[in-house]
Amino acid sequence: VERTFAWISRNRRLARDFERYATTVAAFVRLAMIRIMLRRLAAANASS
């Protein structure tokens, strides 16, 4: 869990809580996780 929080906090928008609405924060967390997973899939695909 801590590792996931570290990955998410690497994104500039999520490093601090500037957003007013929880739905906006949730959307940015979702986008950050999509970005992380796409990078992992691309790296795994390139190595095989």
PDB file of N, CA and C in Angstrom:
ATOM      1  N   VAL A   1       0.827  -1.185   0.000  1.00  0.00           N
ATOM      2  CA  VAL A   1       0.000   0.000   0.000  1.00  0.00           C
ATOM      3  C   VAL A   1       0.874   1.253   0.000  1.00  0.00           C
ATOM      4  N   GLU A   2       1.919   1.274   0.810  1.00  0.00           N
ATOM      5  CA  GLU A   2       2.790   2.448   0.876  1.00  0.00           C
ATOM      6  C   GLU A   2       3.453   2.717  -0.467  1.00  0.00           C
ATOM      7  N   ARG A   3       3.819   1.666  -1.165  1.00  0.00           N
ATOM      8  CA  ARG A   3       4.449   1.821  -2.474  1.00  0.00           C
ATOM      9  C   ARG A   3       3.477   2.467  -3.461  1.00  0.00           C
ATOM     10  N   THR A   4       2.221   2.068  -3.397  1.00  0.00           N
ATOM     11  CA  THR A   4       1.210   2.652  -4.278  1.00  0.00           C
ATOM     12  C   THR A   4       1.028   4.128  -3.976  1.00  0.00           C
ATOM     13  N   PHE A   5       1.002   4.490  -2.701  1.00  0.00           N
ATOM     14  CA  PHE A   5       0.891   5.901  -2.339  1.00  0.00           C
ATOM     15  C   PHE A   5       2.095   6.690  -2.841  1.00  0.00           C
ATOM     16  N   ALA A   6       3.263   6.100  -2.806  1.00  0.00           N
ATOM     17  CA  ALA A   6       4.458   6.775  -3.317  1.00  0.00           C
ATOM     18  C   ALA A   6       4.355   6.980  -4.819  1.00  0.00           C
ATOM     19  N   TRP A   7       3.864   5.980  -5.543  1.00  0.00           N
ATOM     20  CA  TRP A   7       3.703   6.118  -6.997  1.00  0.00           C
ATOM     21  C   TRP A   7       2.705   7.223  -7.324  1.00  0.00           C
ATOM     22  N   ILE A   8       1.610   7.262  -6.579  1.00  0.00           N
ATOM     23  CA  ILE A   8       0.585   8.273  -6.834  1.00  0.00           C
ATOM     24  C   ILE A   8       1.110   9.663  -6.504  1.00  0.00           C
ATOM     25  N   SER A   9       1.861   9.801  -5.430  1.00  0.00           N
ATOM     26  CA  SER A   9       2.340  11.123  -5.019  1.00  0.00           C
ATOM     27  C   SER A   9       3.409  11.678  -5.951  1.00  0.00           C
ATOM     28  N   ARG A  10       3.928  10.872  -6.860  1.00  0.00           N
ATOM     29  CA  ARG A  10       4.873  11.391  -7.853  1.00  0.00           C
ATOM     30  C   ARG A  10       4.204  12.301  -8.872  1.00  0.00           C
ATOM     31  N   ASN A  11       2.898  12.228  -8.979  1.00  0.00           N
ATOM     32  CA  ASN A  11       2.168  13.101  -9.892  1.00  0.00           C
ATOM     33  C   ASN A  11       1.984  14.464  -9.246  1.00  0.00           C
ATOM     34  N   ARG A  12       2.267  15.507  -9.997  1.00  0.00           N
ATOM     35  CA  ARG A  12       2.256  16.853  -9.435  1.00  0.00           C
ATOM     36  C   ARG A  12       0.908  17.250  -8.864  1.00  0.00           C
ATOM     37  N   ARG A  13      -0.173  16.901  -9.550  1.00  0.00           N
ATOM     38  CA  ARG A  13      -1.493  17.301  -9.083  1.00  0.00           C
ATOM     39  C   ARG A  13      -1.873  16.606  -7.779  1.00  0.00           C
ATOM     40  N   LEU A  14      -1.296  15.444  -7.538  1.00  0.00           N
ATOM     41  CA  LEU A  14      -1.684  14.678  -6.360  1.00  0.00           C
ATOM     42  C   LEU A  14      -0.694  14.811  -5.214  1.00  0.00           C
ATOM     43  N   ALA A  15       0.389  15.541  -5.419  1.00  0.00           N
ATOM     44  CA  ALA A  15       1.375  15.710  -4.355  1.00  0.00           C
ATOM     45  C   ALA A  15       0.791  16.510  -3.189  1.00  0.00           C
ATOM     46  N   ARG A  16      -0.097  17.411  -3.502  1.00  0.00           N
ATOM     47  CA  ARG A  16      -0.784  18.200  -2.477  1.00  0.00           C
ATOM     48  C   ARG A  16      -2.265  18.200  -2.783  1.00  0.00           C
ATOM     49  N   ASP A  17      -3.054  18.484  -1.803  1.00  0.00           N
ATOM     50  CA  ASP A  17      -4.505  18.469  -1.977  1.00  0.00           C
ATOM     51  C   ASP A  17      -5.006  19.884  -2.251  1.00  0.00           C
ATOM     52  N   PHE A  18      -4.976  20.276  -3.532  1.00  0.00           N
ATOM     53  CA  PHE A  18      -5.443  21.599  -3.922  1.00  0.00           C
ATOM     54  C   PHE A  18      -6.895  21.581  -4.379  1.00  0.00           C
ATOM     55  N   GLU A  19      -7.420  20.421  -4.629  1.00  0.00           N
ATOM     56  CA  GLU A  19      -8.750  20.315  -5.213  1.00  0.00           C
ATOM     57  C   GLU A  19      -9.830  20.561  -4.170  1.00  0.00           C
ATOM     58  N   ARG A  20     -10.909  21.121  -4.631  1.00  0.00           N
ATOM     59  CA  ARG A  20     -12.007  21.463  -3.741  1.00  0.00           C
ATOM     60  C   ARG A  20     -12.968  20.289  -3.548  1.00  0.00           C
ATOM     61  N   TYR A  21     -13.131  19.489  -4.599  1.00  0.00           N
ATOM     62  CA  TYR A  21     -14.126  18.422  -4.560  1.00  0.00           C
ATOM     63  C   TYR A  21     -13.465  17.051  -4.525  1.00  0.00           C
ATOM     64  N   ALA A  22     -14.058  16.161  -3.761  1.00  0.00           N
ATOM     65  CA  ALA A  22     -13.522  14.801  -3.641  1.00  0.00           C
ATOM     66  C   ALA A  22     -13.604  14.052  -4.964  1.00  0.00           C
ATOM     67  N   THR A  23     -14.605  14.349  -5.771  1.00  0.00           N
ATOM     68  CA  THR A  23     -14.730  13.660  -7.060  1.00  0.00           C
ATOM     69  C   THR A  23     -13.584  14.023  -7.992  1.00  0.00           C
ATOM     70  N   THR A  24     -13.107  15.253  -7.907  1.00  0.00           N
ATOM     71  CA  THR A  24     -11.974  15.668  -8.731  1.00  0.00           C
ATOM     72  C   THR A  24     -10.711  14.939  -8.302  1.00  0.00           C
ATOM     73  N   VAL A  25     -10.501  14.825  -7.009  1.00  0.00           N
ATOM     74  CA  VAL A  25      -9.336  14.107  -6.491  1.00  0.00           C
ATOM     75  C   VAL A  25      -9.401  12.639  -6.910  1.00  0.00           C
ATOM     76  N   ALA A  26     -10.571  12.045  -6.803  1.00  0.00           N
ATOM     77  CA  ALA A  26     -10.738  10.642  -7.197  1.00  0.00           C
ATOM     78  C   ALA A  26     -10.440  10.454  -8.680  1.00  0.00           C
ATOM     79  N   ALA A  27     -10.849  11.403  -9.505  1.00  0.00           N
ATOM     80  CA  ALA A  27     -10.574  11.311 -10.941  1.00  0.00           C
ATOM     81  C   ALA A  27      -9.076  11.401 -11.216  1.00  0.00           C
ATOM     82  N   PHE A  28      -8.372  12.275 -10.518  1.00  0.00           N
ATOM     83  CA  PHE A  28      -6.929  12.395 -10.720  1.00  0.00           C
ATOM     84  C   PHE A  28      -6.187  11.157 -10.214  1.00  0.00           C
ATOM     85  N   VAL A  29      -6.658  10.558  -9.134  1.00  0.00           N
ATOM     86  CA  VAL A  29      -6.052   9.311  -8.655  1.00  0.00           C
ATOM     87  C   VAL A  29      -6.261   8.217  -9.688  1.00  0.00           C
ATOM     88  N   ARG A  30      -7.444   8.148 -10.256  1.00  0.00           N
ATOM     89  CA  ARG A  30      -7.722   7.148 -11.290  1.00  0.00           C
ATOM     90  C   ARG A  30      -6.820   7.363 -12.504  1.00  0.00           C
ATOM     91  N   LEU A  31      -6.665   8.608 -12.935  1.00  0.00           N
ATOM     92  CA  LEU A  31      -5.779   8.903 -14.068  1.00  0.00           C
ATOM     93  C   LEU A  31      -4.332   8.543 -13.757  1.00  0.00           C
ATOM     94  N   ALA A  32      -3.902   8.816 -12.543  1.00  0.00           N
ATOM     95  CA  ALA A  32      -2.530   8.477 -12.158  1.00  0.00           C
ATOM     96  C   ALA A  32      -2.314   6.973 -12.192  1.00  0.00           C
ATOM     97  N   MET A  33      -3.277   6.203 -11.709  1.00  0.00           N
ATOM     98  CA  MET A  33      -3.137   4.748 -11.716  1.00  0.00           C
ATOM     99  C   MET A  33      -3.175   4.193 -13.136  1.00  0.00           C
ATOM    100  N   ILE A  34      -3.997   4.779 -13.998  1.00  0.00           N
ATOM    101  CA  ILE A  34      -4.016   4.358 -15.405  1.00  0.00           C
ATOM    102  C   ILE A  34      -2.656   4.614 -16.034  1.00  0.00           C
ATOM    103  N   ARG A  35      -2.091   5.768 -15.755  1.00  0.00           N
ATOM    104  CA  ARG A  35      -0.769   6.108 -16.304  1.00  0.00           C
ATOM    105  C   ARG A  35       0.304   5.131 -15.815  1.00  0.00           C
ATOM    106  N   ILE A  36       0.265   4.805 -14.530  1.00  0.00           N
ATOM    107  CA  ILE A  36       1.240   3.872 -13.959  1.00  0.00           C
ATOM    108  C   ILE A  36       1.106   2.499 -14.609  1.00  0.00           C
ATOM    109  N   MET A  37      -0.130   2.017 -14.736  1.00  0.00           N
ATOM    110  CA  MET A  37      -0.337   0.687 -15.305  1.00  0.00           C
ATOM    111  C   MET A  37       0.027   0.644 -16.786  1.00  0.00           C
ATOM    112  N   LEU A  38      -0.250   1.710 -17.531  1.00  0.00           N
ATOM    113  CA  LEU A  38       0.138   1.742 -18.944  1.00  0.00           C
ATOM    114  C   LEU A  38       1.653   1.699 -19.103  1.00  0.00           C
ATOM    115  N   ARG A  39       2.362   2.407 -18.245  1.00  0.00           N
ATOM    116  CA  ARG A  39       3.829   2.359 -18.297  1.00  0.00           C
ATOM    117  C   ARG A  39       4.352   0.963 -17.995  1.00  0.00           C
ATOM    118  N   ARG A  40       3.753   0.300 -17.004  1.00  0.00           N
ATOM    119  CA  ARG A  40       4.183  -1.061 -16.663  1.00  0.00           C
ATOM    120  C   ARG A  40       3.890  -2.030 -17.802  1.00  0.00           C
ATOM    121  N   LEU A  41       2.725  -1.905 -18.409  1.00  0.00           N
ATOM    122  CA  LEU A  41       2.379  -2.786 -19.521  1.00  0.00           C
ATOM    123  C   LEU A  41       3.294  -2.552 -20.716  1.00  0.00           C
ATOM    124  N   ALA A  42       3.612  -1.294 -20.990  1.00  0.00           N
ATOM    125  CA  ALA A  42       4.501  -0.983 -22.107  1.00  0.00           C
ATOM    126  C   ALA A  42       5.899  -1.531 -21.851  1.00  0.00           C
ATOM    127  N   ALA A  43       6.377  -1.429 -20.626  1.00  0.00           N
ATOM    128  CA  ALA A  43       7.707  -1.948 -20.295  1.00  0.00           C
ATOM    129  C   ALA A  43       7.732  -3.471 -20.393  1.00  0.00           C
ATOM    130  N   ALA A  44       6.679  -4.122 -19.937  1.00  0.00           N
ATOM    131  CA  ALA A  44       6.611  -5.581 -20.008  1.00  0.00           C
ATOM    132  C   ALA A  44       6.506  -6.046 -21.452  1.00  0.00           C
ATOM    133  N   ASN A  45       5.795  -5.295 -22.257  1.00  0.00           N
ATOM    134  CA  ASN A  45       5.617  -5.639 -23.662  1.00  0.00           C
ATOM    135  C   ASN A  45       6.909  -5.428 -24.446  1.00  0.00           C
ATOM    136  N   ALA A  46       7.670  -4.412 -24.092  1.00  0.00           N
ATOM    137  CA  ALA A  46       8.924  -4.117 -24.794  1.00  0.00           C
ATOM    138  C   ALA A  46       9.996  -5.155 -24.473  1.00  0.00           C
ATOM    139  N   SER A  47       9.964  -5.697 -23.270  1.00  0.00           N
ATOM    140  CA  SER A  47      10.997  -6.660 -22.880  1.00  0.00           C
ATOM    141  C   SER A  47      10.723  -8.061 -23.415  1.00  0.00           C
ATOM    142  N   SER A  48       9.501  -8.339 -23.815  1.00  0.00           N
ATOM    143  CA  SER A  48       9.197  -9.690 -24.310  1.00  0.00           C
ATOM    144  C   SER A  48       9.232  -9.807 -25.800  1.00  0.00           C
TER     145      SER A  48
END
